[in-house]
Amino acid sequence: MKKVDQIRDLLMQEYTPRQVAERVPCSLSLVYDARGKSDLVRMRHQILELRLGIHDLLDRVALLEGKPADIIERSEQRRHA
């Protein structure tokens, strides 16, 4: 297992950065860097989930408005309108 993976595992177990640096024998800056990248990945995943949720909501609204469910049909309908 790589040090970065060990750091992430310990951070997930809610060890403090200082405790992680002592357990994995590494610098404290490496721990903060790994934590920052993990937070960034988690945030990107949350953004993707929100975008998918918005897409689903827009599809439901389109159906309620009587528009075709299929995006291809909707785009063709716009061209002919």
C-alpha atoms as a PDB file:
ATOM      1  CA  MET A   1       0.000   0.000   0.000  1.00  0.00           C
ATOM      2  CA  LYS A   2       1.329   3.434  -0.924  1.00  0.00           C
ATOM      3  CA  LYS A   3       1.864   6.106   1.687  1.00  0.00           C
ATOM      4  CA  VAL A   4      -0.852   8.255   0.156  1.00  0.00           C
ATOM      5  CA  ASP A   5      -3.339   5.394   0.463  1.00  0.00           C
ATOM      6  CA  GLN A   6      -2.321   4.852   4.093  1.00  0.00           C
ATOM      7  CA  ILE A   7      -2.754   8.570   4.740  1.00  0.00           C
ATOM      8  CA  ARG A   8      -6.224   8.583   3.201  1.00  0.00           C
ATOM      9  CA  ASP A   9      -7.259   5.535   5.199  1.00  0.00           C
ATOM     10  CA  LEU A  10      -6.127   7.089   8.469  1.00  0.00           C
ATOM     11  CA  LEU A  11      -7.802  10.393   7.637  1.00  0.00           C
ATOM     12  CA  MET A  12     -11.039   8.506   6.907  1.00  0.00           C
ATOM     13  CA  GLN A  13     -10.715   6.994  10.384  1.00  0.00           C
ATOM     14  CA  GLU A  14     -10.619  10.596  11.663  1.00  0.00           C
ATOM     15  CA  TYR A  15      -7.032  10.693  12.879  1.00  0.00           C
ATOM     16  CA  THR A  16      -5.570  14.185  13.084  1.00  0.00           C
ATOM     17  CA  PRO A  17      -2.983  15.159  10.451  1.00  0.00           C
ATOM     18  CA  ARG A  18      -0.242  15.100  13.101  1.00  0.00           C
ATOM     19  CA  GLN A  19      -1.228  11.578  14.205  1.00  0.00           C
ATOM     20  CA  VAL A  20      -1.265  10.429  10.582  1.00  0.00           C
ATOM     21  CA  ALA A  21       2.208  11.868   9.949  1.00  0.00           C
ATOM     22  CA  GLU A  22       3.537   9.995  12.983  1.00  0.00           C
ATOM     23  CA  ARG A  23       1.900   6.671  12.058  1.00  0.00           C
ATOM     24  CA  VAL A  24       2.889   6.692   8.383  1.00  0.00           C
ATOM     25  CA  PRO A  25       6.350   8.247   8.854  1.00  0.00           C
ATOM     26  CA  CYS A  26       5.930  11.177   6.474  1.00  0.00           C
ATOM     27  CA  SER A  27       5.915  14.936   6.489  1.00  0.00           C
ATOM     28  CA  LEU A  28       2.924  16.857   7.718  1.00  0.00           C
ATOM     29  CA  SER A  29       2.778  18.710   4.389  1.00  0.00           C
ATOM     30  CA  LEU A  30       2.222  15.384   2.574  1.00  0.00           C
ATOM     31  CA  VAL A  31      -0.712  14.660   4.882  1.00  0.00           C
ATOM     32  CA  TYR A  32      -2.257  18.073   4.183  1.00  0.00           C
ATOM     33  CA  ASP A  33      -1.691  17.642   0.448  1.00  0.00           C
ATOM     34  CA  ALA A  34      -3.379  14.210   0.426  1.00  0.00           C
ATOM     35  CA  ARG A  35      -6.262  15.544   2.496  1.00  0.00           C
ATOM     36  CA  GLY A  36      -6.722  18.498   0.156  1.00  0.00           C
ATOM     37  CA  LYS A  37      -6.805  16.272  -2.930  1.00  0.00           C
ATOM     38  CA  SER A  38      -9.284  13.920  -1.269  1.00  0.00           C
ATOM     39  CA  ASP A  39     -11.522  16.861  -0.425  1.00  0.00           C
ATOM     40  CA  LEU A  40     -11.296  18.089  -4.025  1.00  0.00           C
ATOM     41  CA  VAL A  41     -12.268  14.675  -5.398  1.00  0.00           C
ATOM     42  CA  ARG A  42     -15.175  14.459  -2.954  1.00  0.00           C
ATOM     43  CA  MET A  43     -16.365  17.941  -3.959  1.00  0.00           C
ATOM     44  CA  ARG A  44     -16.197  17.109  -7.672  1.00  0.00           C
ATOM     45  CA  HIS A  45     -18.247  13.981  -7.042  1.00  0.00           C
ATOM     46  CA  GLN A  46     -20.868  15.988  -5.155  1.00  0.00           C
ATOM     47  CA  ILE A  47     -21.046  18.508  -8.003  1.00  0.00           C
ATOM     48  CA  LEU A  48     -21.588  15.689 -10.487  1.00  0.00           C
ATOM     49  CA  GLU A  49     -24.385  14.254  -8.348  1.00  0.00           C
ATOM     50  CA  LEU A  50     -26.044  17.682  -8.185  1.00  0.00           C
ATOM     51  CA  ARG A  51     -25.815  18.096 -11.954  1.00  0.00           C
ATOM     52  CA  LEU A  52     -27.428  14.696 -12.468  1.00  0.00           C
ATOM     53  CA  GLY A  53     -30.170  15.629 -10.020  1.00  0.00           C
ATOM     54  CA  ILE A  54     -30.838  18.873 -11.864  1.00  0.00           C
ATOM     55  CA  HIS A  55     -30.949  16.984 -15.155  1.00  0.00           C
ATOM     56  CA  ASP A  56     -33.536  14.591 -13.707  1.00  0.00           C
ATOM     57  CA  LEU A  57     -35.614  17.499 -12.423  1.00  0.00           C
ATOM     58  CA  LEU A  58     -35.536  19.209 -15.812  1.00  0.00           C
ATOM     59  CA  ASP A  59     -36.668  15.980 -17.465  1.00  0.00           C
ATOM     60  CA  ARG A  60     -39.582  15.703 -15.012  1.00  0.00           C
ATOM     61  CA  VAL A  61     -40.581  19.318 -15.637  1.00  0.00           C
ATOM     62  CA  ALA A  62     -40.452  18.694 -19.384  1.00  0.00           C
ATOM     63  CA  LEU A  63     -42.772  15.710 -18.988  1.00  0.00           C
ATOM     64  CA  LEU A  64     -45.165  17.741 -16.844  1.00  0.00           C
ATOM     65  CA  GLU A  65     -45.222  20.436 -19.518  1.00  0.00           C
ATOM     66  CA  GLY A  66     -46.138  17.815 -22.096  1.00  0.00           C
ATOM     67  CA  LYS A  67     -42.827  17.802 -23.904  1.00  0.00           C
ATOM     68  CA  PRO A  68     -41.457  14.530 -25.276  1.00  0.00           C
ATOM     69  CA  ALA A  69     -39.363  12.544 -22.813  1.00  0.00           C
ATOM     70  CA  ASP A  70     -36.629  11.849 -25.316  1.00  0.00           C
ATOM     71  CA  ILE A  71     -34.064  14.631 -25.728  1.00  0.00           C
ATOM     72  CA  ILE A  72     -33.738  13.863 -29.443  1.00  0.00           C
ATOM     73  CA  GLU A  73     -37.466  14.284 -29.950  1.00  0.00           C
ATOM     74  CA  ARG A  74     -37.377  17.583 -28.033  1.00  0.00           C
ATOM     75  CA  SER A  75     -34.514  18.943 -30.116  1.00  0.00           C
ATOM     76  CA  GLU A  76     -36.310  17.961 -33.347  1.00  0.00           C
ATOM     77  CA  GLN A  77     -39.480  19.561 -32.034  1.00  0.00           C
ATOM     78  CA  ARG A  78     -37.594  22.830 -31.429  1.00  0.00           C
ATOM     79  CA  ARG A  79     -36.217  22.830 -34.979  1.00  0.00           C
ATOM     80  CA  HIS A  80     -39.682  22.445 -36.477  1.00  0.00           C
ATOM     81  CA  ALA A  81     -41.271  25.084 -34.240  1.00  0.00           C
END
